[in-house]
């Protein structure tokens, strides 16, 4: 997968081809009632979760860095994390462990890029 990402980046940057240079990345996170919504960019037409309807690997964290895994559901180019907007949650991370089980991919077949971001 690393080789494919590097090849795509070279095609986009060096050769000027109209391809997405990498996998989907979290463009923004917003609060939506009791849920968190993560919008991904460079998904080439939306996101998808393999091996089921639940996107895995998300953690909602409070100020003391107490993090809890939260399941997600794909909605186009976004992932909804039901109930993740609990009191005190200040950051969200994805794929943030030594050997995470991740099943979130863009329509281009590339996996979503791990992140840790503060939530406004």
Protein backbone atom coordinates (compact mmCIF):
# COMPACT_ATOMS: atom_id res chain seq x y z
CA UNK A 1 0.00 0.00 0.00
CA UNK A 2 2.89 2.39 0.71
CA UNK A 3 4.23 1.88 -2.80
CA UNK A 4 0.84 2.62 -4.32
CA UNK A 5 0.57 5.84 -2.32
CA UNK A 6 4.04 6.95 -3.43
CA UNK A 7 3.28 6.12 -7.06
CA UNK A 8 0.01 8.09 -6.92
CA UNK A 9 1.78 11.06 -5.33
CA UNK A 10 4.44 11.01 -8.05
CA UNK A 11 1.79 10.82 -10.78
CA UNK A 12 -0.01 13.84 -9.32
CA UNK A 13 2.96 16.00 -8.31
CA UNK A 14 5.70 15.12 -10.78
CA UNK A 15 3.70 14.17 -13.86
CA UNK A 16 0.72 16.46 -13.30
CA UNK A 17 -1.87 13.71 -13.75
CA UNK A 18 -5.36 14.31 -12.43
CA UNK A 19 -5.30 11.64 -9.68
CA UNK A 20 -5.79 11.91 -5.95
CA UNK A 21 -2.25 11.92 -4.53
CA UNK A 22 -3.03 9.97 -1.35
CA UNK A 23 -5.76 8.39 0.73
CA UNK A 24 -8.65 10.28 2.29
CA UNK A 25 -7.80 12.66 5.11
CA UNK A 26 -9.97 14.35 7.75
CA UNK A 27 -10.77 17.78 6.35
CA UNK A 28 -12.93 18.91 9.27
CA UNK A 29 -14.72 17.72 12.38
CA UNK A 30 -17.92 19.27 13.64
CA UNK A 31 -20.34 18.72 16.49
CA UNK A 32 -23.86 17.70 15.45
CA UNK A 33 -26.07 17.37 18.51
CA UNK A 34 -24.78 14.37 20.45
CA UNK A 35 -22.74 13.17 17.47
CA UNK A 36 -19.45 14.09 15.84
CA UNK A 37 -19.18 14.35 12.05
CA UNK A 38 -15.85 13.86 10.30
CA UNK A 39 -15.68 15.02 6.66
CA UNK A 40 -12.96 13.46 4.54
CA UNK A 41 -11.30 15.03 1.51
CA UNK A 42 -9.65 13.12 -1.35
CA UNK A 43 -12.11 10.24 -1.01
CA UNK A 44 -12.79 10.06 -4.77
CA UNK A 45 -16.55 9.91 -4.41
CA UNK A 46 -17.15 8.96 -0.80
CA UNK A 47 -16.03 6.73 1.98
CA UNK A 48 -16.68 3.03 2.57
CA UNK A 49 -16.13 0.61 5.43
CA UNK A 50 -15.00 -2.91 4.65
CA UNK A 51 -16.16 -5.98 6.59
CA UNK A 52 -19.40 -4.45 7.79
CA UNK A 53 -21.36 -1.23 8.15
CA UNK A 54 -19.35 0.09 11.12
CA UNK A 55 -16.22 2.20 10.64
CA UNK A 56 -13.70 1.28 13.34
CA UNK A 57 -10.66 2.95 14.87
CA UNK A 58 -12.12 6.27 16.11
CA UNK A 59 -11.48 7.52 19.65
CA UNK A 60 -13.11 10.53 21.33
CA UNK A 61 -10.86 12.02 24.05
CA UNK A 62 -11.42 14.41 26.92
CA UNK A 63 -9.05 17.03 28.37
CA UNK A 64 -7.33 14.46 30.63
CA UNK A 65 -6.67 12.27 27.57
CA UNK A 66 -9.24 9.66 28.63
CA UNK A 67 -10.09 8.21 25.21
CA UNK A 68 -12.98 5.92 24.30
CA UNK A 69 -13.51 4.01 21.09
CA UNK A 70 -16.61 5.07 19.19
CA UNK A 71 -18.11 3.28 16.17
CA UNK A 72 -18.90 5.25 13.05
CA UNK A 73 -21.30 5.03 10.14
CA UNK A 74 -20.42 6.22 6.65
CA UNK A 75 -22.53 9.00 5.12
CA UNK A 76 -21.09 9.89 1.71
CA UNK A 77 -17.70 11.55 2.23
CA UNK A 78 -18.31 11.80 6.00
CA UNK A 79 -18.42 9.50 9.01
CA UNK A 80 -20.99 10.02 11.77
CA UNK A 81 -19.90 9.03 15.28
CA UNK A 82 -23.18 8.63 17.20
CA UNK A 83 -22.98 9.70 20.85
CA UNK A 84 -19.30 10.73 20.59
CA UNK A 85 -20.02 14.38 21.39
CA UNK A 86 -20.26 13.69 25.10
CA UNK A 87 -19.47 16.42 27.67
CA UNK A 88 -15.76 17.19 27.90
CA UNK A 89 -14.69 15.73 24.53
CA UNK A 90 -11.98 17.99 23.09
CA UNK A 91 -10.23 15.87 20.47
CA UNK A 92 -10.78 13.00 18.08
CA UNK A 93 -8.28 10.55 16.75
CA UNK A 94 -8.35 7.78 14.19
CA UNK A 95 -5.95 4.86 13.81
CA UNK A 96 -4.08 5.96 16.93
CA UNK A 97 -2.59 2.77 18.35
CA UNK A 98 0.33 0.42 17.74
CA UNK A 99 -1.64 -2.06 15.64
CA UNK A 100 -5.08 -0.63 14.91
CA UNK A 101 -7.81 -2.57 13.12
CA UNK A 102 -9.03 -0.10 10.54
CA UNK A 103 -11.64 -0.64 7.85
CA UNK A 104 -12.28 2.86 6.47
CA UNK A 105 -11.35 3.48 2.84
CA UNK A 106 -12.09 5.98 0.09
CA UNK A 107 -13.85 4.88 -3.10
CA UNK A 108 -10.36 4.90 -4.65
CA UNK A 109 -9.49 1.87 -2.46
CA UNK A 110 -6.92 3.75 -0.38
CA UNK A 111 -7.21 3.68 3.42
CA UNK A 112 -8.08 6.78 5.42
CA UNK A 113 -5.04 8.50 6.89
CA UNK A 114 -4.70 8.31 10.71
CA UNK A 115 -5.06 11.61 12.58
CA UNK A 116 -5.42 13.30 15.94
CA UNK A 117 -7.25 16.65 15.92
CA UNK A 118 -8.74 19.08 18.37
CA UNK A 119 -12.47 19.71 18.10
CA UNK A 120 -13.64 23.33 18.16
